[in-house]
Amino acid sequence: MEFVPGVAHYRQPVYRTPGVFAAILHDVLYCPANNVILTEQGQVLAESISTIPRPEYLDHYALSARRIERIRGPAAALRSVHNQFYHALIDNPPRLWALGHPALAHLGTIELLLRDGPTPLEQYILKGLRPPNVVVRRLKRRRLYRIDTFVFVSYMNRRHAAYLDAAYLETFRRAFCPDRPRRPRHRIYISRAGRTRGTRRVLNEPEVVAELERWGFRAYLLEELSYEAQAELFYDAEMVVGAHGAGFANLIYARGAKVLEWFPSPHVVPSYYFLCKATGNLYFRRHADEVWRDRDFVIDLDVLRQALEEMMSSQRHGG
């Protein structure tokens, strides 16, 4: 087993979550194109980049925008540099939740800074998690904003480690999960058939789906479902199988499911292992023999059958 670069420290016997904090910063520059904080010298505050604080991901042209507008009242950011489905559902929402903490009540109304307004997924998140003291403020892309009072909230998780706080998960589930007992009945195969070449597509997917159907699975293109429908589906998940990808972020709605994640190469990206640990799902993984971790690959059907037999015989937990 090989960890992807930058996460080998997860081999340690005990994983400790980062300490979440909020800092009140005064007279800072904010770049809405990158969702980062700048110093007066134009340097980027690394902690504001994302759970992957790598400056090469930044739009450096936007960092040098000449036009600067002022925001006087308390303001905060939701997004990071990375705002694809996984980051928008797992990394960013705890920052919104934290703005409702009693320790910030003295600030009054806090403006949530969103370039071009909220995306459909952010609208979904805001509907369920927005504290009453938070209002959305739309920003423009090609300018900087000088903010008198900026509420910086750190990230609850680390790079490739989606272990979320139990109190936050309870709030999230009350907001987005169905208000009824779970009915573990869905055996879900997460298809990546609609993805572009070289993005962990399963090259023998028709054969894989045919085999999984014999075990009671159904293939889903999750991007064709509404966010509400994805929550309903995974809330009642019994088993989930698929190639490593953002669709597994929906495990935040599940509990007690058995999960099989397939990697193209020997490299492990442990995001969903940690999410399963946090949410009470039982995690399994298998690997193909590609060299590159994002390459399209073939699933060995014999290995698939053995993995399914192991999952079937394992003790379901959670509830």
C-alpha atoms as a PDB file:
ATOM      1  CA  MET A   1       0.000   0.000   0.000  1.00  0.00           C
ATOM      2  CA  GLU A   2       1.258   3.472  -0.911  1.00  0.00           C
ATOM      3  CA  PHE A   3      -0.199   6.758   0.282  1.00  0.00           C
ATOM      4  CA  VAL A   4      -0.429   9.631  -2.178  1.00  0.00           C
ATOM      5  CA  PRO A   5       2.207  12.333  -1.549  1.00  0.00           C
ATOM      6  CA  GLY A   6       1.560  14.534   1.444  1.00  0.00           C
ATOM      7  CA  VAL A   7      -0.522  12.109   3.524  1.00  0.00           C
ATOM      8  CA  ALA A   8       1.966   9.395   4.513  1.00  0.00           C
ATOM      9  CA  HIS A   9       1.762  10.700   8.105  1.00  0.00           C
ATOM     10  CA  TYR A  10      -1.652   9.041   8.305  1.00  0.00           C
ATOM     11  CA  ARG A  11       0.231   5.791   8.924  1.00  0.00           C
ATOM     12  CA  GLN A  12       0.481   6.877  12.554  1.00  0.00           C
ATOM     13  CA  PRO A  13      -1.499   4.634  14.968  1.00  0.00           C
ATOM     14  CA  VAL A  14      -3.661   7.557  16.157  1.00  0.00           C
ATOM     15  CA  TYR A  15      -5.212  10.267  13.991  1.00  0.00           C
ATOM     16  CA  ARG A  16      -5.884  13.599  15.671  1.00  0.00           C
ATOM     17  CA  THR A  17      -8.248  16.100  14.127  1.00  0.00           C
ATOM     18  CA  PRO A  18      -6.996  19.670  13.718  1.00  0.00           C
ATOM     19  CA  GLY A  19      -8.043  22.203  16.296  1.00  0.00           C
ATOM     20  CA  VAL A  20     -10.838  24.286  14.781  1.00  0.00           C
ATOM     21  CA  PHE A  21     -10.605  27.988  15.549  1.00  0.00           C
ATOM     22  CA  ALA A  22     -12.054  31.342  14.541  1.00  0.00           C
ATOM     23  CA  ALA A  23      -9.845  34.425  14.377  1.00  0.00           C
ATOM     24  CA  ILE A  24     -11.050  38.025  14.096  1.00  0.00           C
ATOM     25  CA  LEU A  25      -8.769  39.805  11.630  1.00  0.00           C
ATOM     26  CA  HIS A  26      -8.808  43.541  10.972  1.00  0.00           C
ATOM     27  CA  ASP A  27      -8.132  45.478   7.787  1.00  0.00           C
ATOM     28  CA  VAL A  28      -7.346  42.515   5.521  1.00  0.00           C
ATOM     29  CA  LEU A  29      -7.408  42.072   1.764  1.00  0.00           C
ATOM     30  CA  TYR A  30      -9.628  39.342   0.362  1.00  0.00           C
ATOM     31  CA  CYS A  31      -9.377  37.914  -3.158  1.00  0.00           C
ATOM     32  CA  PRO A  32     -12.762  36.487  -4.257  1.00  0.00           C
ATOM     33  CA  ALA A  33     -11.337  34.808  -7.359  1.00  0.00           C
ATOM     34  CA  ASN A  34      -9.225  32.556  -5.108  1.00  0.00           C
ATOM     35  CA  ASN A  35     -11.143  32.893  -1.820  1.00  0.00           C
ATOM     36  CA  VAL A  36      -7.950  33.726   0.058  1.00  0.00           C
ATOM     37  CA  ILE A  37      -6.639  36.398   2.425  1.00  0.00           C
ATOM     38  CA  LEU A  38      -3.679  38.563   1.431  1.00  0.00           C
ATOM     39  CA  THR A  39      -1.167  40.489   3.519  1.00  0.00           C
ATOM     40  CA  GLU A  40      -0.278  44.094   2.700  1.00  0.00           C
ATOM     41  CA  GLN A  41       2.772  42.721   0.874  1.00  0.00           C
ATOM     42  CA  GLY A  42       0.522  40.588  -1.344  1.00  0.00           C
ATOM     43  CA  GLN A  43       1.429  37.301   0.298  1.00  0.00           C
ATOM     44  CA  VAL A  44      -1.311  34.676   0.659  1.00  0.00           C
ATOM     45  CA  LEU A  45      -2.255  33.446   4.121  1.00  0.00           C
ATOM     46  CA  ALA A  46      -1.624  29.711   3.643  1.00  0.00           C
ATOM     47  CA  GLU A  47      -4.359  28.645   6.062  1.00  0.00           C
ATOM     48  CA  SER A  48      -6.942  30.405   3.905  1.00  0.00           C
ATOM     49  CA  ILE A  49      -6.142  28.444   0.721  1.00  0.00           C
ATOM     50  CA  SER A  50      -7.861  25.132   1.538  1.00  0.00           C
ATOM     51  CA  THR A  51      -7.159  21.829   3.271  1.00  0.00           C
ATOM     52  CA  ILE A  52      -4.512  21.532   0.509  1.00  0.00           C
ATOM     53  CA  PRO A  53      -2.519  24.759   1.098  1.00  0.00           C
ATOM     54  CA  ARG A  54      -0.621  24.751  -2.179  1.00  0.00           C
ATOM     55  CA  PRO A  55      -0.213  28.166  -3.871  1.00  0.00           C
ATOM     56  CA  GLU A  56       0.279  26.669  -7.345  1.00  0.00           C
ATOM     57  CA  TYR A  57      -3.505  26.201  -7.526  1.00  0.00           C
ATOM     58  CA  LEU A  58      -4.105  29.958  -7.291  1.00  0.00           C
ATOM     59  CA  ASP A  59      -5.105  32.347 -10.054  1.00  0.00           C
ATOM     60  CA  HIS A  60      -2.060  34.593  -9.611  1.00  0.00           C
ATOM     61  CA  TYR A  61      -3.339  37.202 -12.051  1.00  0.00           C
ATOM     62  CA  ALA A  62      -6.355  37.796  -9.795  1.00  0.00           C
ATOM     63  CA  LEU A  63      -4.119  38.306  -6.763  1.00  0.00           C
ATOM     64  CA  SER A  64      -2.747  41.490  -8.321  1.00  0.00           C
ATOM     65  CA  ALA A  65      -6.094  43.097  -9.182  1.00  0.00           C
ATOM     66  CA  ARG A  66      -5.806  46.885  -9.008  1.00  0.00           C
ATOM     67  CA  ARG A  67      -9.386  47.716  -8.095  1.00  0.00           C
ATOM     68  CA  ILE A  68     -10.087  47.518  -4.359  1.00  0.00           C
ATOM     69  CA  GLU A  69     -13.461  47.967  -2.670  1.00  0.00           C
ATOM     70  CA  ARG A  70     -14.125  48.250   1.064  1.00  0.00           C
ATOM     71  CA  ILE A  71     -16.432  46.121   3.214  1.00  0.00           C
ATOM     72  CA  ARG A  72     -16.917  47.597   6.666  1.00  0.00           C
ATOM     73  CA  GLY A  73     -19.060  45.108   8.561  1.00  0.00           C
ATOM     74  CA  PRO A  74     -18.009  41.651   9.797  1.00  0.00           C
ATOM     75  CA  ALA A  75     -17.503  39.249   6.886  1.00  0.00           C
ATOM     76  CA  ALA A  76     -16.401  35.648   6.384  1.00  0.00           C
ATOM     77  CA  ALA A  77     -15.575  33.205   3.599  1.00  0.00           C
ATOM     78  CA  LEU A  78     -17.217  29.871   2.854  1.00  0.00           C
ATOM     79  CA  ARG A  79     -15.222  28.666  -0.124  1.00  0.00           C
ATOM     80  CA  SER A  80     -11.623  27.635  -0.557  1.00  0.00           C
ATOM     81  CA  VAL A  81      -9.534  27.487  -3.702  1.00  0.00           C
ATOM     82  CA  HIS A  82     -11.118  24.070  -4.327  1.00  0.00           C
ATOM     83  CA  ASN A  83     -14.893  24.033  -4.622  1.00  0.00           C
ATOM     84  CA  GLN A  84     -15.724  20.847  -6.511  1.00  0.00           C
ATOM     85  CA  PHE A  85     -18.437  18.578  -5.109  1.00  0.00           C
ATOM     86  CA  TYR A  86     -16.306  16.902  -2.421  1.00  0.00           C
ATOM     87  CA  HIS A  87     -14.921  20.177  -1.095  1.00  0.00           C
ATOM     88  CA  ALA A  88     -18.267  21.982  -1.299  1.00  0.00           C
ATOM     89  CA  LEU A  89     -20.047  19.204   0.630  1.00  0.00           C
ATOM     90  CA  ILE A  90     -17.327  18.098   3.077  1.00  0.00           C
ATOM     91  CA  ASP A  91     -14.665  20.795   3.565  1.00  0.00           C
ATOM     92  CA  ASN A  92     -16.564  24.080   3.352  1.00  0.00           C
ATOM     93  CA  PRO A  93     -19.910  23.710   5.217  1.00  0.00           C
ATOM     94  CA  PRO A  94     -18.370  23.334   8.715  1.00  0.00           C
ATOM     95  CA  ARG A  95     -17.030  26.876   8.287  1.00  0.00           C
ATOM     96  CA  LEU A  96     -20.590  28.120   7.765  1.00  0.00           C
ATOM     97  CA  TRP A  97     -21.830  26.149  10.780  1.00  0.00           C
ATOM     98  CA  ALA A  98     -19.096  27.634  12.996  1.00  0.00           C
ATOM     99  CA  LEU A  99     -20.264  31.191  12.284  1.00  0.00           C
ATOM    100  CA  GLY A 100     -23.290  30.509  14.483  1.00  0.00           C
ATOM    101  CA  HIS A 101     -21.126  29.817  17.545  1.00  0.00           C
ATOM    102  CA  PRO A 102     -22.143  31.888  20.603  1.00  0.00           C
ATOM    103  CA  ALA A 103     -18.601  33.267  20.873  1.00  0.00           C
ATOM    104  CA  LEU A 104     -19.230  35.228  17.641  1.00  0.00           C
ATOM    105  CA  ALA A 105     -22.652  36.582  18.630  1.00  0.00           C
ATOM    106  CA  HIS A 106     -21.217  39.956  19.670  1.00  0.00           C
ATOM    107  CA  LEU A 107     -20.312  40.641  16.025  1.00  0.00           C
ATOM    108  CA  GLY A 108     -23.956  40.834  14.996  1.00  0.00           C
ATOM    109  CA  THR A 109     -24.684  40.129  11.329  1.00  0.00           C
ATOM    110  CA  ILE A 110     -21.838  38.463   9.418  1.00  0.00           C
ATOM    111  CA  GLU A 111     -21.713  38.762   5.629  1.00  0.00           C
ATOM    112  CA  LEU A 112     -20.830  35.525   3.846  1.00  0.00           C
ATOM    113  CA  LEU A 113     -18.683  36.440   0.855  1.00  0.00           C
ATOM    114  CA  LEU A 114     -19.551  34.532  -2.327  1.00  0.00           C
ATOM    115  CA  ARG A 115     -18.184  35.548  -5.698  1.00  0.00           C
ATOM    116  CA  ASP A 116     -21.083  35.676  -8.203  1.00  0.00           C
ATOM    117  CA  GLY A 117     -23.470  34.398  -5.521  1.00  0.00           C
ATOM    118  CA  PRO A 118     -24.072  30.850  -4.296  1.00  0.00           C
ATOM    119  CA  THR A 119     -23.880  27.837  -6.587  1.00  0.00           C
ATOM    120  CA  PRO A 120     -26.822  25.370  -6.600  1.00  0.00           C
ATOM    121  CA  LEU A 121     -24.977  23.129  -4.131  1.00  0.00           C
ATOM    122  CA  GLU A 122     -24.217  26.107  -1.900  1.00  0.00           C
ATOM    123  CA  GLN A 123     -27.875  27.138  -2.025  1.00  0.00           C
ATOM    124  CA  TYR A 124     -28.738  23.645  -0.801  1.00  0.00           C
ATOM    125  CA  ILE A 125     -26.161  23.903   2.014  1.00  0.00           C
ATOM    126  CA  LEU A 126     -27.231  27.420   3.001  1.00  0.00           C
ATOM    127  CA  LYS A 127     -30.864  26.358   3.234  1.00  0.00           C
ATOM    128  CA  GLY A 128     -29.999  23.765   5.860  1.00  0.00           C
ATOM    129  CA  LEU A 129     -27.016  25.187   7.734  1.00  0.00           C
ATOM    130  CA  ARG A 130     -27.022  28.989   7.509  1.00  0.00           C
ATOM    131  CA  PRO A 131     -27.037  30.493  11.025  1.00  0.00           C
ATOM    132  CA  PRO A 132     -29.567  33.337  11.505  1.00  0.00           C
ATOM    133  CA  ASN A 133     -26.736  35.860  11.966  1.00  0.00           C
ATOM    134  CA  VAL A 134     -25.313  35.173   8.470  1.00  0.00           C
ATOM    135  CA  VAL A 135     -26.358  36.860   5.217  1.00  0.00           C
ATOM    136  CA  VAL A 136     -24.933  36.332   1.726  1.00  0.00           C
ATOM    137  CA  ARG A 137     -23.020  39.088  -0.043  1.00  0.00           C
ATOM    138  CA  ARG A 138     -22.200  38.684  -3.744  1.00  0.00           C
ATOM    139  CA  LEU A 139     -18.732  39.772  -4.807  1.00  0.00           C
ATOM    140  CA  LYS A 140     -17.205  40.439  -8.192  1.00  0.00           C
ATOM    141  CA  ARG A 141     -14.303  38.388  -9.498  1.00  0.00           C
ATOM    142  CA  ARG A 142     -11.647  40.754 -10.866  1.00  0.00           C
ATOM    143  CA  ARG A 143     -11.052  42.934  -7.828  1.00  0.00           C
ATOM    144  CA  LEU A 144      -9.874  42.780  -4.244  1.00  0.00           C
ATOM    145  CA  TYR A 145     -11.844  43.735  -1.142  1.00  0.00           C
ATOM    146  CA  ARG A 146     -10.460  45.463   1.935  1.00  0.00           C
ATOM    147  CA  ILE A 147     -12.422  44.163   4.900  1.00  0.00           C
ATOM    148  CA  ASP A 148     -12.480  46.000   8.230  1.00  0.00           C
ATOM    149  CA  THR A 149     -13.472  42.912  10.254  1.00  0.00           C
ATOM    150  CA  PHE A 150     -12.882  39.459   8.793  1.00  0.00           C
ATOM    151  CA  VAL A 151     -13.948  36.304  10.624  1.00  0.00           C
ATOM    152  CA  PHE A 152     -11.523  33.591   9.567  1.00  0.00           C
ATOM    153  CA  VAL A 153     -12.717  30.057  10.369  1.00  0.00           C
ATOM    154  CA  SER A 154     -10.219  27.227  10.001  1.00  0.00           C
ATOM    155  CA  TYR A 155     -10.987  23.892   8.356  1.00  0.00           C
ATOM    156  CA  MET A 156     -12.375  21.033  10.431  1.00  0.00           C
ATOM    157  CA  ASN A 157     -10.547  18.346   8.451  1.00  0.00           C
ATOM    158  CA  ARG A 158      -7.199  17.862   6.767  1.00  0.00           C
ATOM    159  CA  ARG A 159      -6.089  17.038   3.256  1.00  0.00           C
ATOM    160  CA  HIS A 160      -7.576  13.683   2.218  1.00  0.00           C
ATOM    161  CA  ALA A 161      -8.964  13.103   5.728  1.00  0.00           C
ATOM    162  CA  ALA A 162     -12.711  13.725   5.857  1.00  0.00           C
ATOM    163  CA  TYR A 163     -13.070  13.006   9.562  1.00  0.00           C
ATOM    164  CA  LEU A 164     -15.731  15.415  10.821  1.00  0.00           C
ATOM    165  CA  ASP A 165     -16.695  16.409  14.341  1.00  0.00           C
ATOM    166  CA  ALA A 166     -19.589  14.432  15.859  1.00  0.00           C
ATOM    167  CA  ALA A 167     -21.504  17.566  16.930  1.00  0.00           C
ATOM    168  CA  TYR A 168     -21.256  18.979  13.424  1.00  0.00           C
ATOM    169  CA  LEU A 169     -22.347  15.690  11.844  1.00  0.00           C
ATOM    170  CA  GLU A 170     -25.394  15.586  14.099  1.00  0.00           C
ATOM    171  CA  THR A 171     -26.368  19.102  13.017  1.00  0.00           C
ATOM    172  CA  PHE A 172     -25.754  18.262   9.362  1.00  0.00           C
ATOM    173  CA  ARG A 173     -27.877  15.123   9.510  1.00  0.00           C
ATOM    174  CA  ARG A 174     -30.748  16.906  11.252  1.00  0.00           C
ATOM    175  CA  ALA A 175     -30.667  19.490   8.483  1.00  0.00           C
ATOM    176  CA  PHE A 176     -30.401  17.214   5.444  1.00  0.00           C
ATOM    177  CA  CYS A 177     -31.352  13.613   6.261  1.00  0.00           C
ATOM    178  CA  PRO A 178     -34.952  12.359   6.121  1.00  0.00           C
ATOM    179  CA  ASP A 179     -36.843  12.633   9.398  1.00  0.00           C
ATOM    180  CA  ARG A 180     -37.604   8.909   9.675  1.00  0.00           C
ATOM    181  CA  PRO A 181     -35.818   5.666  10.557  1.00  0.00           C
ATOM    182  CA  ARG A 182     -33.317   4.334   8.048  1.00  0.00           C
ATOM    183  CA  ARG A 183     -34.338   1.515   5.724  1.00  0.00           C
ATOM    184  CA  PRO A 184     -31.062  -0.097   4.572  1.00  0.00           C
ATOM    185  CA  ARG A 185     -32.127  -1.338   1.154  1.00  0.00           C
ATOM    186  CA  HIS A 186     -30.058   0.348  -1.550  1.00  0.00           C
ATOM    187  CA  ARG A 187     -27.040  -1.397  -3.025  1.00  0.00           C
ATOM    188  CA  ILE A 188     -25.388   1.421  -4.925  1.00  0.00           C
ATOM    189  CA  TYR A 189     -22.808   1.297  -7.676  1.00  0.00           C
ATOM    190  CA  ILE A 190     -21.410   4.783  -8.339  1.00  0.00           C
ATOM    191  CA  SER A 191     -20.809   4.968 -12.082  1.00  0.00           C
ATOM    192  CA  ARG A 192     -18.234   7.321 -13.599  1.00  0.00           C
ATOM    193  CA  ALA A 193     -19.382   6.589 -17.162  1.00  0.00           C
ATOM    194  CA  GLY A 194     -20.097  10.244 -17.857  1.00  0.00           C
ATOM    195  CA  ARG A 195     -16.584  11.370 -16.961  1.00  0.00           C
ATOM    196  CA  THR A 196     -13.843  12.318 -19.378  1.00  0.00           C
ATOM    197  CA  ARG A 197     -10.981  10.039 -20.296  1.00  0.00           C
ATOM    198  CA  GLY A 198      -8.311   9.662 -17.622  1.00  0.00           C
ATOM    199  CA  THR A 199     -10.536  10.298 -14.610  1.00  0.00           C
ATOM    200  CA  ARG A 200     -10.747   6.833 -13.018  1.00  0.00           C
ATOM    201  CA  ARG A 201     -13.391   5.439 -15.343  1.00  0.00           C
ATOM    202  CA  VAL A 202     -13.989   1.695 -15.142  1.00  0.00           C
ATOM    203  CA  LEU A 203     -13.163   0.411 -18.625  1.00  0.00           C
ATOM    204  CA  ASN A 204     -15.090  -2.847 -18.249  1.00  0.00           C
ATOM    205  CA  GLU A 205     -18.071  -1.226 -16.565  1.00  0.00           C
ATOM    206  CA  PRO A 206     -20.779  -3.182 -18.496  1.00  0.00           C
ATOM    207  CA  GLU A 207     -19.330  -6.451 -17.156  1.00  0.00           C
ATOM    208  CA  VAL A 208     -18.914  -4.984 -13.673  1.00  0.00           C
ATOM    209  CA  VAL A 209     -22.509  -3.715 -13.609  1.00  0.00           C
ATOM    210  CA  ALA A 210     -23.806  -7.086 -14.857  1.00  0.00           C
ATOM    211  CA  GLU A 211     -21.953  -8.848 -12.029  1.00  0.00           C
ATOM    212  CA  LEU A 212     -23.125  -6.352  -9.422  1.00  0.00           C
ATOM    213  CA  GLU A 213     -26.734  -6.686 -10.573  1.00  0.00           C
ATOM    214  CA  ARG A 214     -26.530 -10.373  -9.654  1.00  0.00           C
ATOM    215  CA  TRP A 215     -25.793  -9.195  -6.116  1.00  0.00           C
ATOM    216  CA  GLY A 216     -28.711  -6.773  -6.043  1.00  0.00           C
ATOM    217  CA  PHE A 217     -26.861  -3.581  -7.001  1.00  0.00           C
ATOM    218  CA  ARG A 218     -28.040  -0.783  -9.243  1.00  0.00           C
ATOM    219  CA  ALA A 219     -25.796   1.639 -11.134  1.00  0.00           C
ATOM    220  CA  TYR A 220     -26.294   5.377 -10.566  1.00  0.00           C
ATOM    221  CA  LEU A 221     -24.969   8.465 -12.330  1.00  0.00           C
ATOM    222  CA  LEU A 222     -25.184  10.677  -9.268  1.00  0.00           C
ATOM    223  CA  GLU A 223     -24.804  13.900 -11.225  1.00  0.00           C
ATOM    224  CA  GLU A 224     -28.223  13.170 -12.751  1.00  0.00           C
ATOM    225  CA  LEU A 225     -29.878  13.224  -9.304  1.00  0.00           C
ATOM    226  CA  SER A 226     -30.827  16.287  -7.277  1.00  0.00           C
ATOM    227  CA  TYR A 227     -28.918  16.879  -4.039  1.00  0.00           C
ATOM    228  CA  GLU A 228     -32.056  15.931  -2.112  1.00  0.00           C
ATOM    229  CA  ALA A 229     -32.370  12.669  -4.062  1.00  0.00           C
ATOM    230  CA  GLN A 230     -28.727  11.817  -3.382  1.00  0.00           C
ATOM    231  CA  ALA A 231     -29.312  12.369   0.341  1.00  0.00           C
ATOM    232  CA  GLU A 232     -32.388  10.094   0.282  1.00  0.00           C
ATOM    233  CA  LEU A 233     -30.512   7.407  -1.643  1.00  0.00           C
ATOM    234  CA  PHE A 234     -27.487   7.269   0.645  1.00  0.00           C
ATOM    235  CA  TYR A 235     -29.557   7.627   3.811  1.00  0.00           C
ATOM    236  CA  ASP A 236     -30.958   4.185   3.041  1.00  0.00           C
ATOM    237  CA  ALA A 237     -27.720   2.718   1.655  1.00  0.00           C
ATOM    238  CA  GLU A 238     -26.933  -0.871   2.551  1.00  0.00           C
ATOM    239  CA  MET A 239     -23.831  -1.234   0.362  1.00  0.00           C
ATOM    240  CA  VAL A 240     -21.868   1.187  -1.837  1.00  0.00           C
ATOM    241  CA  VAL A 241     -19.298   0.252  -4.498  1.00  0.00           C
ATOM    242  CA  GLY A 242     -17.370   2.454  -6.915  1.00  0.00           C
ATOM    243  CA  ALA A 243     -14.107   3.887  -8.156  1.00  0.00           C
ATOM    244  CA  HIS A 244     -12.534   6.547  -5.985  1.00  0.00           C
ATOM    245  CA  GLY A 245     -14.326   9.821  -6.614  1.00  0.00           C
ATOM    246  CA  ALA A 246     -16.445  12.622  -5.211  1.00  0.00           C
ATOM    247  CA  GLY A 247     -19.647  10.559  -5.249  1.00  0.00           C
ATOM    248  CA  PHE A 248     -18.462   8.878  -2.054  1.00  0.00           C
ATOM    249  CA  ALA A 249     -18.867  12.231  -0.277  1.00  0.00           C
ATOM    250  CA  ASN A 250     -22.555  11.293  -0.073  1.00  0.00           C
ATOM    251  CA  LEU A 251     -21.568   8.806   2.624  1.00  0.00           C
ATOM    252  CA  ILE A 252     -22.050  11.741   4.981  1.00  0.00           C
ATOM    253  CA  TYR A 253     -25.771  10.844   4.838  1.00  0.00           C
ATOM    254  CA  ALA A 254     -25.231   7.102   5.435  1.00  0.00           C
ATOM    255  CA  ARG A 255     -24.719   5.086   8.581  1.00  0.00           C
ATOM    256  CA  GLY A 256     -24.016   1.387   8.909  1.00  0.00           C
ATOM    257  CA  ALA A 257     -23.422   0.903   5.180  1.00  0.00           C
ATOM    258  CA  LYS A 258     -20.715  -1.368   3.790  1.00  0.00           C
ATOM    259  CA  VAL A 259     -18.469   0.548   1.423  1.00  0.00           C
ATOM    260  CA  LEU A 260     -16.054  -0.771  -1.225  1.00  0.00           C
ATOM    261  CA  GLU A 261     -13.777   1.836  -2.805  1.00  0.00           C
ATOM    262  CA  TRP A 262     -11.699   0.845  -5.826  1.00  0.00           C
ATOM    263  CA  PHE A 263      -8.401   2.581  -6.639  1.00  0.00           C
ATOM    264  CA  PRO A 264      -6.759   2.395 -10.083  1.00  0.00           C
ATOM    265  CA  SER A 265      -3.226   2.036  -8.646  1.00  0.00           C
ATOM    266  CA  PRO A 266      -1.592   0.937  -5.374  1.00  0.00           C
ATOM    267  CA  HIS A 267      -1.865   4.538  -4.127  1.00  0.00           C
ATOM    268  CA  VAL A 268      -4.371   5.209  -1.334  1.00  0.00           C
ATOM    269  CA  VAL A 269      -6.304   8.462  -1.011  1.00  0.00           C
ATOM    270  CA  PRO A 270      -7.799   7.990   2.480  1.00  0.00           C
ATOM    271  CA  SER A 271     -10.527  10.656   2.371  1.00  0.00           C
ATOM    272  CA  TYR A 272     -13.447   8.223   2.481  1.00  0.00           C
ATOM    273  CA  TYR A 273     -11.816   5.845   4.923  1.00  0.00           C
ATOM    274  CA  PHE A 274     -11.858   8.722   7.406  1.00  0.00           C
ATOM    275  CA  LEU A 275     -15.387   9.744   6.412  1.00  0.00           C
ATOM    276  CA  CYS A 276     -16.567   6.175   7.049  1.00  0.00           C
ATOM    277  CA  LYS A 277     -14.879   6.210  10.448  1.00  0.00           C
ATOM    278  CA  ALA A 278     -16.661   9.445  11.348  1.00  0.00           C
ATOM    279  CA  THR A 279     -20.088   8.391  10.067  1.00  0.00           C
ATOM    280  CA  GLY A 280     -20.202   4.771  11.234  1.00  0.00           C
ATOM    281  CA  ASN A 281     -19.864   3.022   7.870  1.00  0.00           C
ATOM    282  CA  LEU A 282     -17.790  -0.118   7.291  1.00  0.00           C
ATOM    283  CA  TYR A 283     -14.957   0.475   4.820  1.00  0.00           C
ATOM    284  CA  PHE A 284     -13.261  -1.883   2.350  1.00  0.00           C
ATOM    285  CA  ARG A 285     -10.876  -1.114  -0.506  1.00  0.00           C
ATOM    286  CA  ARG A 286      -9.341  -2.842  -3.507  1.00  0.00           C
ATOM    287  CA  HIS A 287      -6.727  -1.806  -6.077  1.00  0.00           C
ATOM    288  CA  ALA A 288      -6.162  -2.301  -9.782  1.00  0.00           C
ATOM    289  CA  ASP A 289      -2.626  -2.446 -11.188  1.00  0.00           C
ATOM    290  CA  GLU A 290      -2.296   0.882 -13.003  1.00  0.00           C
ATOM    291  CA  VAL A 291       0.739   3.080 -12.333  1.00  0.00           C
ATOM    292  CA  TRP A 292      -1.020   6.454 -12.191  1.00  0.00           C
ATOM    293  CA  ARG A 293      -3.651   6.979  -9.501  1.00  0.00           C
ATOM    294  CA  ASP A 294      -6.160   8.767 -11.775  1.00  0.00           C
ATOM    295  CA  ARG A 295      -5.904   6.489 -14.803  1.00  0.00           C
ATOM    296  CA  ASP A 296      -8.902   4.645 -16.237  1.00  0.00           C
ATOM    297  CA  PHE A 297      -8.726   0.997 -15.205  1.00  0.00           C
ATOM    298  CA  VAL A 298     -10.199  -2.496 -15.320  1.00  0.00           C
ATOM    299  CA  ILE A 299     -11.845  -4.188 -12.327  1.00  0.00           C
ATOM    300  CA  ASP A 300     -10.948  -7.861 -11.998  1.00  0.00           C
ATOM    301  CA  LEU A 301     -14.304  -9.648 -11.701  1.00  0.00           C
ATOM    302  CA  ASP A 302     -12.880 -12.456  -9.556  1.00  0.00           C
ATOM    303  CA  VAL A 303     -11.470  -9.896  -7.114  1.00  0.00           C
ATOM    304  CA  LEU A 304     -14.836  -8.126  -7.153  1.00  0.00           C
ATOM    305  CA  ARG A 305     -16.688 -11.341  -6.264  1.00  0.00           C
ATOM    306  CA  GLN A 306     -14.261 -12.072  -3.424  1.00  0.00           C
ATOM    307  CA  ALA A 307     -14.662  -8.539  -2.089  1.00  0.00           C
ATOM    308  CA  LEU A 308     -18.452  -8.777  -2.216  1.00  0.00           C
ATOM    309  CA  GLU A 309     -18.388 -12.102  -0.382  1.00  0.00           C
ATOM    310  CA  GLU A 310     -16.220 -10.532   2.325  1.00  0.00           C
ATOM    311  CA  MET A 311     -18.594  -7.589   2.610  1.00  0.00           C
ATOM    312  CA  MET A 312     -21.665  -9.807   2.775  1.00  0.00           C
ATOM    313  CA  SER A 313     -20.193 -11.885   5.564  1.00  0.00           C
ATOM    314  CA  SER A 314     -19.020  -8.895   7.624  1.00  0.00           C
ATOM    315  CA  GLN A 315     -21.014  -7.602  10.552  1.00  0.00           C
ATOM    316  CA  ARG A 316     -23.035  -4.499   9.749  1.00  0.00           C
ATOM    317  CA  HIS A 317     -22.577  -1.743  12.300  1.00  0.00           C
ATOM    318  CA  GLY A 318     -23.873   1.757  12.947  1.00  0.00           C
ATOM    319  CA  GLY A 319     -27.631   2.313  12.775  1.00  0.00           C
END
